[in-house]
Amino acid sequence: MEMTNLNFEDFQKVDIRMGTIIEVNDFPKARIPAFQLKIDFGSIGIKQSSAQLTSLYSKDELLNKQVLAVINFKPKQIANFQSECLVLGVQNGKDVVLLRADQEVKNGTQVS
C-alpha cells in the first residue's frame, strides 16, 4: 500500500476519542467474525461499532475495556447493524490487537 502524506489540518479532521465498552454481543450476520459493541464516550454519548476482535478477545475481556475510536466517520451499514464509529487496532497477521491508553482516562477524551 502506498503511503499518502497528510498535512496537520487533515489530521485534525479525524476525531479520535477514548471510550469504554459497555456492551458486547455476538454478530452472527457479519461475513467476517465480529462483535457488536456499545461504547460510552462520556458527554458525546454512546455509539455502536462492529469490531473484528473475536480471535484475540472474548466478550468478557472486552466488557468495560477502554478503547480508542474514530467517532466522526459516516455511519456504515454492516448486515443488519449500523456501525457509528471505528474502533482502532493494529493488524497482527490475521488478528486485530486493540490500541489502548496505558492509563485510564475520562470517556470522550480526544487524542491530541
N, C-alpha and C. Protein backbone atom coordinates (compact mmCIF):
# COMPACT_ATOMS: atom_id res chain seq x y z
N MET A 1 0.85 -1.18 0.00
CA MET A 1 0.00 0.00 0.00
C MET A 1 0.89 1.24 0.00
N GLU A 2 0.57 2.16 -0.87
CA GLU A 2 1.33 3.39 -0.99
C GLU A 2 0.91 4.37 0.10
N MET A 3 1.89 5.00 0.74
CA MET A 3 1.60 5.94 1.81
C MET A 3 1.27 7.31 1.22
N THR A 4 0.22 7.93 1.78
CA THR A 4 -0.19 9.27 1.38
C THR A 4 0.19 10.23 2.49
N ASN A 5 0.87 11.31 2.15
CA ASN A 5 1.23 12.31 3.14
C ASN A 5 0.04 13.23 3.41
N LEU A 6 -0.20 13.47 4.69
CA LEU A 6 -1.25 14.39 5.12
C LEU A 6 -0.62 15.61 5.74
N ASN A 7 -1.32 16.72 5.68
CA ASN A 7 -0.85 17.87 6.45
C ASN A 7 -1.57 17.84 7.80
N PHE A 8 -1.13 18.68 8.72
CA PHE A 8 -1.68 18.66 10.07
C PHE A 8 -3.17 18.97 10.08
N GLU A 9 -3.61 19.84 9.19
CA GLU A 9 -5.03 20.18 9.12
C GLU A 9 -5.87 18.96 8.77
N ASP A 10 -5.35 18.07 7.90
CA ASP A 10 -6.06 16.83 7.57
C ASP A 10 -6.19 15.96 8.82
N PHE A 11 -5.11 15.82 9.57
CA PHE A 11 -5.14 15.00 10.78
C PHE A 11 -6.16 15.54 11.79
N GLN A 12 -6.25 16.86 11.90
CA GLN A 12 -7.17 17.47 12.86
C GLN A 12 -8.64 17.17 12.54
N LYS A 13 -8.94 16.77 11.32
CA LYS A 13 -10.31 16.42 10.95
C LYS A 13 -10.73 15.07 11.51
N VAL A 14 -9.77 14.22 11.86
CA VAL A 14 -10.08 12.89 12.39
C VAL A 14 -10.29 13.02 13.90
N ASP A 15 -11.49 12.70 14.35
CA ASP A 15 -11.86 12.84 15.76
C ASP A 15 -11.70 11.48 16.45
N ILE A 16 -10.58 11.29 17.14
CA ILE A 16 -10.29 10.04 17.84
C ILE A 16 -10.52 10.28 19.33
N ARG A 17 -11.35 9.44 19.92
CA ARG A 17 -11.73 9.60 21.33
C ARG A 17 -11.58 8.30 22.10
N MET A 18 -11.44 8.45 23.41
CA MET A 18 -11.40 7.32 24.32
C MET A 18 -12.82 7.01 24.76
N GLY A 19 -13.14 5.72 24.79
CA GLY A 19 -14.45 5.29 25.26
C GLY A 19 -14.34 3.96 25.98
N THR A 20 -15.38 3.62 26.72
CA THR A 20 -15.43 2.35 27.46
C THR A 20 -16.51 1.47 26.87
N ILE A 21 -16.16 0.22 26.56
CA ILE A 21 -17.12 -0.73 26.03
C ILE A 21 -18.08 -1.11 27.15
N ILE A 22 -19.37 -0.87 26.92
CA ILE A 22 -20.37 -1.15 27.96
C ILE A 22 -21.27 -2.33 27.60
N GLU A 23 -21.18 -2.79 26.35
CA GLU A 23 -21.98 -3.95 25.94
C GLU A 23 -21.28 -4.63 24.78
N VAL A 24 -21.26 -5.97 24.81
CA VAL A 24 -20.64 -6.77 23.75
C VAL A 24 -21.61 -7.88 23.38
N ASN A 25 -21.92 -7.97 22.09
CA ASN A 25 -22.83 -9.01 21.61
C ASN A 25 -22.22 -9.73 20.41
N ASP A 26 -22.59 -10.99 20.25
CA ASP A 26 -22.20 -11.72 19.06
C ASP A 26 -22.84 -11.07 17.85
N PHE A 27 -22.20 -11.24 16.69
CA PHE A 27 -22.71 -10.67 15.44
C PHE A 27 -22.74 -11.78 14.39
N PRO A 28 -23.71 -12.68 14.49
CA PRO A 28 -23.74 -13.84 13.59
C PRO A 28 -23.94 -13.50 12.11
N LYS A 29 -24.50 -12.33 11.80
CA LYS A 29 -24.74 -11.97 10.40
C LYS A 29 -23.52 -11.32 9.72
N ALA A 30 -22.45 -11.07 10.48
CA ALA A 30 -21.24 -10.49 9.89
C ALA A 30 -20.56 -11.52 8.99
N ARG A 31 -20.06 -11.09 7.83
CA ARG A 31 -19.35 -12.00 6.92
C ARG A 31 -18.05 -12.49 7.53
N ILE A 32 -17.33 -11.59 8.20
CA ILE A 32 -16.10 -11.92 8.92
C ILE A 32 -16.45 -11.88 10.41
N PRO A 33 -16.04 -12.88 11.20
CA PRO A 33 -16.42 -12.90 12.61
C PRO A 33 -16.16 -11.57 13.32
N ALA A 34 -17.17 -11.09 14.03
CA ALA A 34 -17.08 -9.78 14.69
C ALA A 34 -18.02 -9.76 15.89
N PHE A 35 -17.80 -8.74 16.71
CA PHE A 35 -18.70 -8.44 17.82
C PHE A 35 -19.43 -7.13 17.52
N GLN A 36 -20.61 -6.98 18.09
CA GLN A 36 -21.30 -5.70 18.11
C GLN A 36 -20.99 -5.07 19.46
N LEU A 37 -20.44 -3.85 19.44
CA LEU A 37 -20.04 -3.17 20.67
C LEU A 37 -20.89 -1.92 20.87
N LYS A 38 -21.19 -1.62 22.13
CA LYS A 38 -21.71 -0.31 22.52
C LYS A 38 -20.63 0.33 23.36
N ILE A 39 -20.27 1.56 23.00
CA ILE A 39 -19.14 2.24 23.63
C ILE A 39 -19.60 3.58 24.19
N ASP A 40 -19.27 3.83 25.45
CA ASP A 40 -19.62 5.06 26.14
C ASP A 40 -18.51 6.09 25.94
N PHE A 41 -18.84 7.19 25.26
CA PHE A 41 -17.88 8.27 25.02
C PHE A 41 -18.20 9.49 25.90
N GLY A 42 -18.71 9.25 27.09
CA GLY A 42 -18.97 10.33 28.04
C GLY A 42 -20.01 11.30 27.52
N SER A 43 -19.68 12.59 27.53
CA SER A 43 -20.65 13.62 27.15
C SER A 43 -21.04 13.54 25.67
N ILE A 44 -20.27 12.84 24.86
CA ILE A 44 -20.59 12.67 23.44
C ILE A 44 -21.71 11.66 23.26
N GLY A 45 -21.82 10.73 24.20
CA GLY A 45 -22.89 9.74 24.15
C GLY A 45 -22.37 8.33 23.88
N ILE A 46 -23.30 7.45 23.62
CA ILE A 46 -22.99 6.04 23.37
C ILE A 46 -23.08 5.79 21.87
N LYS A 47 -22.06 5.16 21.33
CA LYS A 47 -22.04 4.81 19.91
C LYS A 47 -21.83 3.30 19.79
N GLN A 48 -22.25 2.76 18.66
CA GLN A 48 -22.06 1.34 18.45
C GLN A 48 -21.09 1.10 17.31
N SER A 49 -20.43 -0.07 17.36
CA SER A 49 -19.44 -0.41 16.36
C SER A 49 -19.41 -1.91 16.16
N SER A 50 -19.13 -2.30 14.94
CA SER A 50 -18.84 -3.70 14.63
C SER A 50 -17.32 -3.82 14.63
N ALA A 51 -16.79 -4.79 15.38
CA ALA A 51 -15.34 -4.91 15.50
C ALA A 51 -14.91 -6.36 15.35
N GLN A 52 -13.94 -6.58 14.47
CA GLN A 52 -13.44 -7.92 14.19
C GLN A 52 -12.36 -8.30 15.20
N LEU A 53 -12.79 -8.55 16.43
CA LEU A 53 -11.88 -8.81 17.54
C LEU A 53 -12.03 -10.21 18.11
N THR A 54 -12.79 -11.07 17.46
CA THR A 54 -13.16 -12.36 18.04
C THR A 54 -12.00 -13.33 18.19
N SER A 55 -10.93 -13.17 17.44
CA SER A 55 -9.84 -14.14 17.52
C SER A 55 -8.95 -13.94 18.75
N LEU A 56 -8.87 -12.73 19.27
CA LEU A 56 -8.00 -12.45 20.42
C LEU A 56 -8.74 -12.12 21.70
N TYR A 57 -10.00 -11.71 21.60
CA TYR A 57 -10.71 -11.22 22.76
C TYR A 57 -12.05 -11.94 22.93
N SER A 58 -12.39 -12.24 24.17
CA SER A 58 -13.71 -12.78 24.48
C SER A 58 -14.63 -11.61 24.82
N LYS A 59 -15.91 -11.87 24.86
CA LYS A 59 -16.87 -10.82 25.24
C LYS A 59 -16.56 -10.31 26.65
N ASP A 60 -16.24 -11.23 27.56
CA ASP A 60 -15.93 -10.82 28.94
C ASP A 60 -14.68 -9.95 29.01
N GLU A 61 -13.67 -10.25 28.18
CA GLU A 61 -12.44 -9.46 28.18
C GLU A 61 -12.69 -8.04 27.66
N LEU A 62 -13.60 -7.90 26.73
CA LEU A 62 -13.87 -6.59 26.13
C LEU A 62 -14.76 -5.71 27.00
N LEU A 63 -15.65 -6.32 27.75
CA LEU A 63 -16.58 -5.55 28.56
C LEU A 63 -15.82 -4.68 29.57
N ASN A 64 -16.13 -3.41 29.61
CA ASN A 64 -15.52 -2.41 30.50
C ASN A 64 -14.08 -2.05 30.12
N LYS A 65 -13.64 -2.43 28.95
CA LYS A 65 -12.29 -2.09 28.48
C LYS A 65 -12.36 -0.74 27.76
N GLN A 66 -11.38 0.11 28.03
CA GLN A 66 -11.30 1.38 27.32
C GLN A 66 -10.62 1.15 25.97
N VAL A 67 -11.16 1.82 24.94
CA VAL A 67 -10.63 1.70 23.59
C VAL A 67 -10.59 3.07 22.94
N LEU A 68 -9.78 3.17 21.90
CA LEU A 68 -9.75 4.37 21.07
C LEU A 68 -10.58 4.13 19.83
N ALA A 69 -11.32 5.15 19.40
CA ALA A 69 -12.16 5.01 18.22
C ALA A 69 -12.27 6.33 17.48
N VAL A 70 -12.39 6.23 16.16
CA VAL A 70 -12.71 7.40 15.33
C VAL A 70 -14.22 7.55 15.38
N ILE A 71 -14.69 8.72 15.83
CA ILE A 71 -16.13 8.88 16.04
C ILE A 71 -16.80 9.77 14.99
N ASN A 72 -16.04 10.29 14.03
CA ASN A 72 -16.68 11.19 13.05
C ASN A 72 -16.68 10.64 11.62
N PHE A 73 -16.66 9.31 11.47
CA PHE A 73 -16.93 8.71 10.18
C PHE A 73 -18.44 8.70 9.95
N LYS A 74 -18.85 8.66 8.69
CA LYS A 74 -20.27 8.46 8.40
C LYS A 74 -20.64 7.06 8.87
N PRO A 75 -21.83 6.86 9.44
CA PRO A 75 -22.26 5.52 9.84
C PRO A 75 -22.21 4.55 8.66
N LYS A 76 -21.89 3.30 8.96
CA LYS A 76 -21.77 2.27 7.93
C LYS A 76 -22.70 1.11 8.26
N GLN A 77 -23.51 0.72 7.28
CA GLN A 77 -24.41 -0.41 7.45
C GLN A 77 -23.63 -1.70 7.22
N ILE A 78 -23.60 -2.57 8.23
CA ILE A 78 -22.94 -3.86 8.12
C ILE A 78 -24.01 -4.91 8.45
N ALA A 79 -24.45 -5.63 7.40
CA ALA A 79 -25.56 -6.57 7.54
C ALA A 79 -26.76 -5.81 8.12
N ASN A 80 -27.27 -6.26 9.26
CA ASN A 80 -28.44 -5.62 9.88
C ASN A 80 -28.04 -4.65 11.00
N PHE A 81 -26.82 -4.15 10.97
CA PHE A 81 -26.27 -3.35 12.08
C PHE A 81 -25.69 -2.05 11.54
N GLN A 82 -25.92 -0.96 12.25
CA GLN A 82 -25.38 0.36 11.89
C GLN A 82 -24.15 0.63 12.75
N SER A 83 -22.97 0.64 12.14
CA SER A 83 -21.73 0.94 12.86
C SER A 83 -21.49 2.44 12.82
N GLU A 84 -21.35 3.05 14.00
CA GLU A 84 -21.26 4.52 14.10
C GLU A 84 -19.86 5.04 14.39
N CYS A 85 -18.92 4.15 14.69
CA CYS A 85 -17.56 4.57 14.96
C CYS A 85 -16.62 3.43 14.59
N LEU A 86 -15.33 3.74 14.48
CA LEU A 86 -14.32 2.74 14.11
C LEU A 86 -13.36 2.55 15.27
N VAL A 87 -13.44 1.38 15.90
CA VAL A 87 -12.51 1.04 16.98
C VAL A 87 -11.14 0.81 16.36
N LEU A 88 -10.10 1.39 16.96
CA LEU A 88 -8.77 1.32 16.38
C LEU A 88 -7.98 0.13 16.90
N GLY A 89 -7.30 -0.51 15.98
CA GLY A 89 -6.46 -1.65 16.31
C GLY A 89 -5.37 -1.79 15.27
N VAL A 90 -4.45 -2.70 15.55
CA VAL A 90 -3.33 -2.98 14.65
C VAL A 90 -3.47 -4.40 14.14
N GLN A 91 -3.35 -4.56 12.82
CA GLN A 91 -3.40 -5.89 12.23
C GLN A 91 -2.11 -6.62 12.58
N ASN A 92 -2.25 -7.81 13.17
CA ASN A 92 -1.11 -8.65 13.54
C ASN A 92 -1.37 -10.03 12.95
N GLY A 93 -0.93 -10.24 11.71
CA GLY A 93 -1.30 -11.44 11.00
C GLY A 93 -2.78 -11.37 10.68
N LYS A 94 -3.54 -12.39 11.10
CA LYS A 94 -4.99 -12.40 10.89
C LYS A 94 -5.74 -11.76 12.04
N ASP A 95 -5.04 -11.43 13.12
CA ASP A 95 -5.66 -10.89 14.33
C ASP A 95 -5.61 -9.37 14.36
N VAL A 96 -6.54 -8.78 15.12
CA VAL A 96 -6.54 -7.34 15.37
C VAL A 96 -6.28 -7.12 16.85
N VAL A 97 -5.23 -6.35 17.15
CA VAL A 97 -4.86 -6.01 18.52
C VAL A 97 -5.34 -4.59 18.79
N LEU A 98 -6.12 -4.41 19.85
CA LEU A 98 -6.66 -3.10 20.19
C LEU A 98 -5.58 -2.09 20.54
N LEU A 99 -5.80 -0.85 20.14
CA LEU A 99 -4.98 0.27 20.61
C LEU A 99 -5.64 0.83 21.85
N ARG A 100 -4.86 1.00 22.91
CA ARG A 100 -5.43 1.48 24.18
C ARG A 100 -4.42 2.41 24.85
N ALA A 101 -4.92 3.20 25.79
CA ALA A 101 -4.05 4.02 26.64
C ALA A 101 -3.51 3.13 27.75
N ASP A 102 -2.33 3.44 28.26
CA ASP A 102 -1.77 2.62 29.35
C ASP A 102 -2.28 3.05 30.72
N GLN A 103 -3.10 4.11 30.76
CA GLN A 103 -3.76 4.52 31.98
C GLN A 103 -5.20 4.87 31.65
N GLU A 104 -6.09 4.69 32.62
CA GLU A 104 -7.49 5.03 32.40
C GLU A 104 -7.63 6.55 32.28
N VAL A 105 -8.44 6.97 31.31
CA VAL A 105 -8.73 8.39 31.12
C VAL A 105 -10.24 8.57 31.01
N LYS A 106 -10.69 9.79 31.12
CA LYS A 106 -12.11 10.10 31.06
C LYS A 106 -12.67 9.75 29.70
N ASN A 107 -13.84 9.09 29.69
CA ASN A 107 -14.51 8.79 28.42
C ASN A 107 -14.78 10.08 27.65
N GLY A 108 -14.52 10.02 26.36
CA GLY A 108 -14.72 11.17 25.48
C GLY A 108 -13.48 12.01 25.29
N THR A 109 -12.40 11.69 26.04
CA THR A 109 -11.16 12.46 25.88
C THR A 109 -10.64 12.30 24.45
N GLN A 110 -10.27 13.41 23.84
CA GLN A 110 -9.82 13.42 22.46
C GLN A 110 -8.32 13.21 22.37
N VAL A 111 -7.91 12.42 21.37
CA VAL A 111 -6.48 12.25 21.09
C VAL A 111 -5.95 13.57 20.54
N SER A 112 -4.83 14.00 21.10
CA SER A 112 -4.26 15.26 20.63
C SER A 112 -2.78 15.12 20.39
